[in-house]
């Protein structure tokens, strides 16, 4: 699991943190901590500009959008068509 928010990573690794801002959240929703402890999930911090999920959740600058689109393997149909006809 990749995460760019350090506070979220700390919460995943340390488990349920009771505080003024989290007291309304039921502890059963912190099951990711148990998954992380058992080794079923690894939590790694990544830089915000490398977070692929931002492609689906945020409005991004054009350059960042194009970089992330390329990194998930999406290609334009026009580019694929040119590639397939080169071999003929």
PDB file of N, CA and C in Angstrom:
ATOM      1  N   UNK A   1       0.854  -1.151   0.000  1.00  0.00           N
ATOM      2  CA  UNK A   1       0.000   0.000   0.000  1.00  0.00           C
ATOM      3  C   UNK A   1       0.909   1.225   0.000  1.00  0.00           C
ATOM      4  N   UNK A   2       0.691   2.092  -0.963  1.00  0.00           N
ATOM      5  CA  UNK A   2       1.479   3.314  -1.062  1.00  0.00           C
ATOM      6  C   UNK A   2       0.667   4.473  -0.507  1.00  0.00           C
ATOM      7  N   UNK A   3       1.317   5.307   0.274  1.00  0.00           N
ATOM      8  CA  UNK A   3       0.637   6.446   0.892  1.00  0.00           C
ATOM      9  C   UNK A   3       1.598   7.619   0.915  1.00  0.00           C
ATOM     10  N   UNK A   4       1.091   8.817   0.601  1.00  0.00           N
ATOM     11  CA  UNK A   4       1.944  10.004   0.619  1.00  0.00           C
ATOM     12  C   UNK A   4       1.709  10.883   1.843  1.00  0.00           C
ATOM     13  N   UNK A   5       0.829  10.477   2.729  1.00  0.00           N
ATOM     14  CA  UNK A   5       0.509  11.252   3.917  1.00  0.00           C
ATOM     15  C   UNK A   5       1.173  10.614   5.138  1.00  0.00           C
ATOM     16  N   UNK A   6       2.138  11.310   5.732  1.00  0.00           N
ATOM     17  CA  UNK A   6       2.899  10.762   6.860  1.00  0.00           C
ATOM     18  C   UNK A   6       2.009  10.471   8.067  1.00  0.00           C
ATOM     19  N   UNK A   7       1.010  11.294   8.324  1.00  0.00           N
ATOM     20  CA  UNK A   7       0.114  11.059   9.463  1.00  0.00           C
ATOM     21  C   UNK A   7      -0.699   9.785   9.253  1.00  0.00           C
ATOM     22  N   UNK A   8      -1.117   9.549   8.038  1.00  0.00           N
ATOM     23  CA  UNK A   8      -1.865   8.329   7.728  1.00  0.00           C
ATOM     24  C   UNK A   8      -0.982   7.104   7.917  1.00  0.00           C
ATOM     25  N   UNK A   9       0.265   7.185   7.490  1.00  0.00           N
ATOM     26  CA  UNK A   9       1.200   6.068   7.661  1.00  0.00           C
ATOM     27  C   UNK A   9       1.410   5.778   9.139  1.00  0.00           C
ATOM     28  N   UNK A  10       1.581   6.818   9.940  1.00  0.00           N
ATOM     29  CA  UNK A  10       1.762   6.625  11.379  1.00  0.00           C
ATOM     30  C   UNK A  10       0.540   5.955  11.987  1.00  0.00           C
ATOM     31  N   UNK A  11      -0.632   6.359  11.557  1.00  0.00           N
ATOM     32  CA  UNK A  11      -1.854   5.764  12.092  1.00  0.00           C
ATOM     33  C   UNK A  11      -1.983   4.302  11.670  1.00  0.00           C
ATOM     34  N   UNK A  12      -1.609   3.982  10.447  1.00  0.00           N
ATOM     35  CA  UNK A  12      -1.657   2.593   9.995  1.00  0.00           C
ATOM     36  C   UNK A  12      -0.686   1.719  10.780  1.00  0.00           C
ATOM     37  N   UNK A  13       0.493   2.249  11.041  1.00  0.00           N
ATOM     38  CA  UNK A  13       1.507   1.461  11.741  1.00  0.00           C
ATOM     39  C   UNK A  13       1.238   1.358  13.237  1.00  0.00           C
ATOM     40  N   UNK A  14       0.695   2.422  13.835  1.00  0.00           N
ATOM     41  CA  UNK A  14       0.491   2.436  15.286  1.00  0.00           C
ATOM     42  C   UNK A  14      -0.887   1.949  15.706  1.00  0.00           C
ATOM     43  N   UNK A  15      -1.811   1.861  14.778  1.00  0.00           N
ATOM     44  CA  UNK A  15      -3.156   1.404  15.110  1.00  0.00           C
ATOM     45  C   UNK A  15      -4.058   2.551  15.501  1.00  0.00           C
ATOM     46  N   UNK A  16      -5.130   2.206  16.179  1.00  0.00           N
ATOM     47  CA  UNK A  16      -6.147   3.183  16.564  1.00  0.00           C
ATOM     48  C   UNK A  16      -5.560   4.214  17.511  1.00  0.00           C
ATOM     49  N   UNK A  17      -5.669   5.469  17.149  1.00  0.00           N
ATOM     50  CA  UNK A  17      -5.182   6.565  17.978  1.00  0.00           C
ATOM     51  C   UNK A  17      -6.401   7.336  18.462  1.00  0.00           C
ATOM     52  N   UNK A  18      -6.661   7.265  19.753  1.00  0.00           N
ATOM     53  CA  UNK A  18      -7.826   7.969  20.291  1.00  0.00           C
ATOM     54  C   UNK A  18      -7.440   9.414  20.567  1.00  0.00           C
ATOM     55  N   UNK A  19      -8.179  10.298  20.003  1.00  0.00           N
ATOM     56  CA  UNK A  19      -7.940  11.716  20.195  1.00  0.00           C
ATOM     57  C   UNK A  19      -9.208  12.484  19.894  1.00  0.00           C
ATOM     58  N   UNK A  20      -9.154  13.790  20.026  1.00  0.00           N
ATOM     59  CA  UNK A  20     -10.337  14.617  19.799  1.00  0.00           C
ATOM     60  C   UNK A  20     -10.870  14.487  18.371  1.00  0.00           C
ATOM     61  N   UNK A  21      -9.971  14.310  17.416  1.00  0.00           N
ATOM     62  CA  UNK A  21     -10.405  14.251  16.024  1.00  0.00           C
ATOM     63  C   UNK A  21     -10.798  12.847  15.580  1.00  0.00           C
ATOM     64  N   UNK A  22     -10.396  11.822  16.311  1.00  0.00           N
ATOM     65  CA  UNK A  22     -10.702  10.449  15.889  1.00  0.00           C
ATOM     66  C   UNK A  22     -11.697   9.749  16.793  1.00  0.00           C
ATOM     67  N   UNK A  23     -12.178  10.411  17.822  1.00  0.00           N
ATOM     68  CA  UNK A  23     -13.055   9.732  18.781  1.00  0.00           C
ATOM     69  C   UNK A  23     -14.387   9.313  18.160  1.00  0.00           C
ATOM     70  N   UNK A  24     -14.790   9.942  17.073  1.00  0.00           N
ATOM     71  CA  UNK A  24     -16.051   9.590  16.429  1.00  0.00           C
ATOM     72  C   UNK A  24     -15.909   8.407  15.466  1.00  0.00           C
ATOM     73  N   UNK A  25     -14.679   7.949  15.225  1.00  0.00           N
ATOM     74  CA  UNK A  25     -14.442   6.833  14.306  1.00  0.00           C
ATOM     75  C   UNK A  25     -14.375   5.543  15.107  1.00  0.00           C
ATOM     76  N   UNK A  26     -15.155   4.568  14.723  1.00  0.00           N
ATOM     77  CA  UNK A  26     -15.159   3.290  15.433  1.00  0.00           C
ATOM     78  C   UNK A  26     -13.840   2.554  15.212  1.00  0.00           C
ATOM     79  N   UNK A  27     -13.304   1.943  16.272  1.00  0.00           N
ATOM     80  CA  UNK A  27     -12.032   1.219  16.140  1.00  0.00           C
ATOM     81  C   UNK A  27     -12.068   0.100  15.103  1.00  0.00           C
ATOM     82  N   UNK A  28     -13.235  -0.451  14.793  1.00  0.00           N
ATOM     83  CA  UNK A  28     -13.301  -1.540  13.815  1.00  0.00           C
ATOM     84  C   UNK A  28     -12.865  -1.084  12.422  1.00  0.00           C
ATOM     85  N   UNK A  29     -12.866   0.225  12.182  1.00  0.00           N
ATOM     86  CA  UNK A  29     -12.447   0.726  10.882  1.00  0.00           C
ATOM     87  C   UNK A  29     -10.929   0.836  10.764  1.00  0.00           C
ATOM     88  N   UNK A  30     -10.209   0.480  11.795  1.00  0.00           N
ATOM     89  CA  UNK A  30      -8.756   0.546  11.766  1.00  0.00           C
ATOM     90  C   UNK A  30      -8.148  -0.836  11.541  1.00  0.00           C
ATOM     91  N   UNK A  31      -8.847  -1.698  10.803  1.00  0.00           N
ATOM     92  CA  UNK A  31      -8.377  -3.061  10.577  1.00  0.00           C
ATOM     93  C   UNK A  31      -7.108  -3.113   9.744  1.00  0.00           C
ATOM     94  N   UNK A  32      -6.776  -2.039   9.022  1.00  0.00           N
ATOM     95  CA  UNK A  32      -5.547  -2.040   8.230  1.00  0.00           C
ATOM     96  C   UNK A  32      -4.316  -2.165   9.113  1.00  0.00           C
ATOM     97  N   UNK A  33      -4.409  -1.704  10.352  1.00  0.00           N
ATOM     98  CA  UNK A  33      -3.291  -1.861  11.288  1.00  0.00           C
ATOM     99  C   UNK A  33      -3.020  -3.343  11.531  1.00  0.00           C
ATOM    100  N   UNK A  34      -4.075  -4.128  11.709  1.00  0.00           N
ATOM    101  CA  UNK A  34      -3.909  -5.566  11.912  1.00  0.00           C
ATOM    102  C   UNK A  34      -3.310  -6.229  10.675  1.00  0.00           C
ATOM    103  N   UNK A  35      -3.736  -5.803   9.501  1.00  0.00           N
ATOM    104  CA  UNK A  35      -3.175  -6.346   8.265  1.00  0.00           C
ATOM    105  C   UNK A  35      -1.693  -6.018   8.147  1.00  0.00           C
ATOM    106  N   UNK A  36      -1.331  -4.813   8.539  1.00  0.00           N
ATOM    107  CA  UNK A  36       0.066  -4.390   8.475  1.00  0.00           C
ATOM    108  C   UNK A  36       0.901  -5.173   9.476  1.00  0.00           C
ATOM    109  N   UNK A  37       0.371  -5.387  10.686  1.00  0.00           N
ATOM    110  CA  UNK A  37       1.098  -6.138  11.713  1.00  0.00           C
ATOM    111  C   UNK A  37       1.312  -7.593  11.306  1.00  0.00           C
ATOM    112  N   UNK A  38       0.333  -8.187  10.639  1.00  0.00           N
ATOM    113  CA  UNK A  38       0.440  -9.594  10.244  1.00  0.00           C
ATOM    114  C   UNK A  38       1.286  -9.781   8.990  1.00  0.00           C
ATOM    115  N   UNK A  39       1.656  -8.700   8.331  1.00  0.00           N
ATOM    116  CA  UNK A  39       2.488  -8.792   7.138  1.00  0.00           C
ATOM    117  C   UNK A  39       1.702  -8.956   5.847  1.00  0.00           C
ATOM    118  N   UNK A  40       0.380  -8.909   5.936  1.00  0.00           N
ATOM    119  CA  UNK A  40      -0.443  -9.020   4.732  1.00  0.00           C
ATOM    120  C   UNK A  40      -0.371  -7.756   3.874  1.00  0.00           C
ATOM    121  N   UNK A  41      -0.074  -6.628   4.512  1.00  0.00           N
ATOM    122  CA  UNK A  41       0.009  -5.348   3.821  1.00  0.00           C
ATOM    123  C   UNK A  41       1.291  -4.656   4.248  1.00  0.00           C
ATOM    124  N   UNK A  42       2.020  -4.136   3.269  1.00  0.00           N
ATOM    125  CA  UNK A  42       3.189  -3.304   3.565  1.00  0.00           C
ATOM    126  C   UNK A  42       2.822  -1.860   3.261  1.00  0.00           C
ATOM    127  N   UNK A  43       3.152  -0.980   4.166  1.00  0.00           N
ATOM    128  CA  UNK A  43       2.859   0.439   3.980  1.00  0.00           C
ATOM    129  C   UNK A  43       4.163   1.143   3.658  1.00  0.00           C
ATOM    130  N   UNK A  44       4.200   1.780   2.492  1.00  0.00           N
ATOM    131  CA  UNK A  44       5.393   2.491   2.052  1.00  0.00           C
ATOM    132  C   UNK A  44       5.036   3.938   1.755  1.00  0.00           C
ATOM    133  N   UNK A  45       5.892   4.843   2.180  1.00  0.00           N
ATOM    134  CA  UNK A  45       5.653   6.254   1.883  1.00  0.00           C
ATOM    135  C   UNK A  45       6.245   6.578   0.520  1.00  0.00           C
ATOM    136  N   UNK A  46       5.476   7.294  -0.273  1.00  0.00           N
ATOM    137  CA  UNK A  46       5.944   7.737  -1.575  1.00  0.00           C
ATOM    138  C   UNK A  46       5.782   9.245  -1.664  1.00  0.00           C
ATOM    139  N   UNK A  47       6.471   9.836  -2.616  1.00  0.00           N
ATOM    140  CA  UNK A  47       6.333  11.275  -2.822  1.00  0.00           C
ATOM    141  C   UNK A  47       4.973  11.565  -3.439  1.00  0.00           C
ATOM    142  N   UNK A  48       4.423  12.697  -3.113  1.00  0.00           N
ATOM    143  CA  UNK A  48       3.089  13.063  -3.610  1.00  0.00           C
ATOM    144  C   UNK A  48       3.033  13.093  -5.133  1.00  0.00           C
ATOM    145  N   UNK A  49       4.096  13.548  -5.773  1.00  0.00           N
ATOM    146  CA  UNK A  49       4.046  13.641  -7.238  1.00  0.00           C
ATOM    147  C   UNK A  49       4.208  12.287  -7.922  1.00  0.00           C
ATOM    148  N   UNK A  50       4.447  11.217  -7.163  1.00  0.00           N
ATOM    149  CA  UNK A  50       4.515   9.865  -7.722  1.00  0.00           C
ATOM    150  C   UNK A  50       3.304   9.021  -7.344  1.00  0.00           C
ATOM    151  N   UNK A  51       2.319   9.612  -6.704  1.00  0.00           N
ATOM    152  CA  UNK A  51       1.153   8.874  -6.227  1.00  0.00           C
ATOM    153  C   UNK A  51       0.169   8.665  -7.381  1.00  0.00           C
ATOM    154  N   UNK A  52       0.113   7.432  -7.891  1.00  0.00           N
ATOM    155  CA  UNK A  52      -0.718   7.135  -9.056  1.00  0.00           C
ATOM    156  C   UNK A  52      -2.205   7.347  -8.800  1.00  0.00           C
ATOM    157  N   UNK A  53      -2.648   7.202  -7.569  1.00  0.00           N
ATOM    158  CA  UNK A  53      -4.079   7.375  -7.293  1.00  0.00           C
ATOM    159  C   UNK A  53      -4.522   8.822  -7.486  1.00  0.00           C
ATOM    160  N   UNK A  54      -3.596   9.777  -7.427  1.00  0.00           N
ATOM    161  CA  UNK A  54      -3.953  11.176  -7.664  1.00  0.00           C
ATOM    162  C   UNK A  54      -4.527  11.371  -9.063  1.00  0.00           C
ATOM    163  N   UNK A  55      -4.150  10.506  -9.980  1.00  0.00           N
ATOM    164  CA  UNK A  55      -4.668  10.571 -11.341  1.00  0.00           C
ATOM    165  C   UNK A  55      -6.191  10.472 -11.357  1.00  0.00           C
ATOM    166  N   UNK A  56      -6.753   9.718 -10.425  1.00  0.00           N
ATOM    167  CA  UNK A  56      -8.193   9.484 -10.387  1.00  0.00           C
ATOM    168  C   UNK A  56      -8.929  10.357  -9.371  1.00  0.00           C
ATOM    169  N   UNK A  57      -8.185  11.072  -8.525  1.00  0.00           N
ATOM    170  CA  UNK A  57      -8.842  11.790  -7.434  1.00  0.00           C
ATOM    171  C   UNK A  57      -8.607  13.292  -7.423  1.00  0.00           C
ATOM    172  N   UNK A  58      -7.711  13.797  -8.263  1.00  0.00           N
ATOM    173  CA  UNK A  58      -7.375  15.221  -8.210  1.00  0.00           C
ATOM    174  C   UNK A  58      -7.270  15.815  -9.605  1.00  0.00           C
ATOM    175  N   UNK A  59      -7.484  17.112  -9.676  1.00  0.00           N
ATOM    176  CA  UNK A  59      -7.183  17.848 -10.896  1.00  0.00           C
ATOM    177  C   UNK A  59      -5.683  18.115 -10.878  1.00  0.00           C
ATOM    178  N   UNK A  60      -4.991  17.678 -11.916  1.00  0.00           N
ATOM    179  CA  UNK A  60      -3.535  17.754 -11.933  1.00  0.00           C
ATOM    180  C   UNK A  60      -3.048  18.663 -13.052  1.00  0.00           C
ATOM    181  N   UNK A  61      -1.850  19.236 -12.886  1.00  0.00           N
ATOM    182  CA  UNK A  61      -1.237  19.950 -14.006  1.00  0.00           C
ATOM    183  C   UNK A  61      -1.030  18.978 -15.177  1.00  0.00           C
ATOM    184  N   UNK A  62      -1.055  19.493 -16.382  1.00  0.00           N
ATOM    185  CA  UNK A  62      -0.973  18.647 -17.576  1.00  0.00           C
ATOM    186  C   UNK A  62       0.257  17.751 -17.570  1.00  0.00           C
ATOM    187  N   UNK A  63       1.410  18.282 -17.212  1.00  0.00           N
ATOM    188  CA  UNK A  63       2.639  17.481 -17.227  1.00  0.00           C
ATOM    189  C   UNK A  63       2.555  16.319 -16.241  1.00  0.00           C
ATOM    190  N   UNK A  64       2.036  16.571 -15.052  1.00  0.00           N
ATOM    191  CA  UNK A  64       1.889  15.515 -14.046  1.00  0.00           C
ATOM    192  C   UNK A  64       0.876  14.483 -14.512  1.00  0.00           C
ATOM    193  N   UNK A  65      -0.229  14.948 -15.080  1.00  0.00           N
ATOM    194  CA  UNK A  65      -1.252  14.038 -15.600  1.00  0.00           C
ATOM    195  C   UNK A  65      -0.663  13.103 -16.650  1.00  0.00           C
ATOM    196  N   UNK A  66       0.074  13.658 -17.609  1.00  0.00           N
ATOM    197  CA  UNK A  66       0.663  12.839 -18.676  1.00  0.00           C
ATOM    198  C   UNK A  66       1.668  11.839 -18.117  1.00  0.00           C
ATOM    199  N   UNK A  67       2.459  12.263 -17.137  1.00  0.00           N
ATOM    200  CA  UNK A  67       3.445  11.358 -16.539  1.00  0.00           C
ATOM    201  C   UNK A  67       2.758  10.185 -15.849  1.00  0.00           C
ATOM    202  N   UNK A  68       1.712  10.465 -15.079  1.00  0.00           N
ATOM    203  CA  UNK A  68       1.017   9.398 -14.358  1.00  0.00           C
ATOM    204  C   UNK A  68       0.252   8.480 -15.309  1.00  0.00           C
ATOM    205  N   UNK A  69      -0.335   9.044 -16.351  1.00  0.00           N
ATOM    206  CA  UNK A  69      -1.028   8.226 -17.355  1.00  0.00           C
ATOM    207  C   UNK A  69      -0.040   7.253 -17.994  1.00  0.00           C
ATOM    208  N   UNK A  70       1.130   7.739 -18.330  1.00  0.00           N
ATOM    209  CA  UNK A  70       2.153   6.871 -18.927  1.00  0.00           C
ATOM    210  C   UNK A  70       2.589   5.785 -17.943  1.00  0.00           C
ATOM    211  N   UNK A  71       2.733   6.151 -16.673  1.00  0.00           N
ATOM    212  CA  UNK A  71       3.205   5.188 -15.669  1.00  0.00           C
ATOM    213  C   UNK A  71       2.217   4.063 -15.405  1.00  0.00           C
ATOM    214  N   UNK A  72       0.915   4.292 -15.592  1.00  0.00           N
ATOM    215  CA  UNK A  72      -0.033   3.196 -15.391  1.00  0.00           C
ATOM    216  C   UNK A  72      -0.236   2.391 -16.674  1.00  0.00           C
ATOM    217  N   UNK A  73       0.421   2.783 -17.744  1.00  0.00           N
ATOM    218  CA  UNK A  73       0.394   1.983 -18.965  1.00  0.00           C
ATOM    219  C   UNK A  73      -0.650   2.382 -19.988  1.00  0.00           C
ATOM    220  N   UNK A  74      -1.319   3.500 -19.792  1.00  0.00           N
ATOM    221  CA  UNK A  74      -2.299   3.950 -20.783  1.00  0.00           C
ATOM    222  C   UNK A  74      -1.573   4.578 -21.967  1.00  0.00           C
ATOM    223  N   UNK A  75      -2.034   4.259 -23.157  1.00  0.00           N
ATOM    224  CA  UNK A  75      -1.467   4.837 -24.367  1.00  0.00           C
ATOM    225  C   UNK A  75      -2.606   5.354 -25.228  1.00  0.00           C
ATOM    226  N   UNK A  76      -2.321   6.351 -26.023  1.00  0.00           N
ATOM    227  CA  UNK A  76      -3.328   6.887 -26.932  1.00  0.00           C
ATOM    228  C   UNK A  76      -3.536   5.910 -28.080  1.00  0.00           C
ATOM    229  N   UNK A  77      -4.769   5.736 -28.516  1.00  0.00           N
ATOM    230  CA  UNK A  77      -5.058   4.833 -29.627  1.00  0.00           C
ATOM    231  C   UNK A  77      -4.306   5.246 -30.883  1.00  0.00           C
ATOM    232  N   UNK A  78      -4.181   6.533 -31.101  1.00  0.00           N
ATOM    233  CA  UNK A  78      -3.456   7.040 -32.265  1.00  0.00           C
ATOM    234  C   UNK A  78      -2.013   6.542 -32.249  1.00  0.00           C
ATOM    235  N   UNK A  79      -1.367   6.585 -31.083  1.00  0.00           N
ATOM    236  CA  UNK A  79       0.018   6.127 -30.969  1.00  0.00           C
ATOM    237  C   UNK A  79       0.120   4.624 -31.181  1.00  0.00           C
ATOM    238  N   UNK A  80      -0.845   3.867 -30.691  1.00  0.00           N
ATOM    239  CA  UNK A  80      -0.830   2.418 -30.872  1.00  0.00           C
ATOM    240  C   UNK A  80      -1.037   2.055 -32.334  1.00  0.00           C
ATOM    241  N   UNK A  81      -1.899   2.788 -33.024  1.00  0.00           N
ATOM    242  CA  UNK A  81      -2.160   2.531 -34.429  1.00  0.00           C
ATOM    243  C   UNK A  81      -0.896   2.752 -35.256  1.00  0.00           C
ATOM    244  N   UNK A  82      -0.158   3.825 -34.987  1.00  0.00           N
ATOM    245  CA  UNK A  82       1.093   4.093 -35.695  1.00  0.00           C
ATOM    246  C   UNK A  82       2.112   2.995 -35.428  1.00  0.00           C
ATOM    247  N   UNK A  83       2.157   2.511 -34.211  1.00  0.00           N
ATOM    248  CA  UNK A  83       3.111   1.471 -33.833  1.00  0.00           C
ATOM    249  C   UNK A  83       2.813   0.160 -34.560  1.00  0.00           C
ATOM    250  N   UNK A  84       1.543  -0.204 -34.668  1.00  0.00           N
ATOM    251  CA  UNK A  84       1.193  -1.478 -35.305  1.00  0.00           C
ATOM    252  C   UNK A  84       1.395  -1.429 -36.811  1.00  0.00           C
ATOM    253  N   UNK A  85       1.253  -0.264 -37.440  1.00  0.00           N
ATOM    254  CA  UNK A  85       1.424  -0.167 -38.894  1.00  0.00           C
ATOM    255  C   UNK A  85       2.883  -0.012 -39.304  1.00  0.00           C
ATOM    256  N   UNK A  86       3.783   0.275 -38.398  1.00  0.00           N
ATOM    257  CA  UNK A  86       5.202   0.390 -38.732  1.00  0.00           C
ATOM    258  C   UNK A  86       5.776  -0.957 -39.156  1.00  0.00           C
ATOM    259  N   UNK A  87       5.273  -2.026 -38.566  1.00  0.00           N
ATOM    260  CA  UNK A  87       5.812  -3.352 -38.843  1.00  0.00           C
ATOM    261  C   UNK A  87       5.356  -3.934 -40.170  1.00  0.00           C
ATOM    262  N   UNK A  88       4.435  -3.293 -40.862  1.00  0.00           N
ATOM    263  CA  UNK A  88       3.911  -3.849 -42.121  1.00  0.00           C
ATOM    264  C   UNK A  88       4.766  -3.503 -43.299  1.00  0.00           C
TER     265      UNK A  88
END
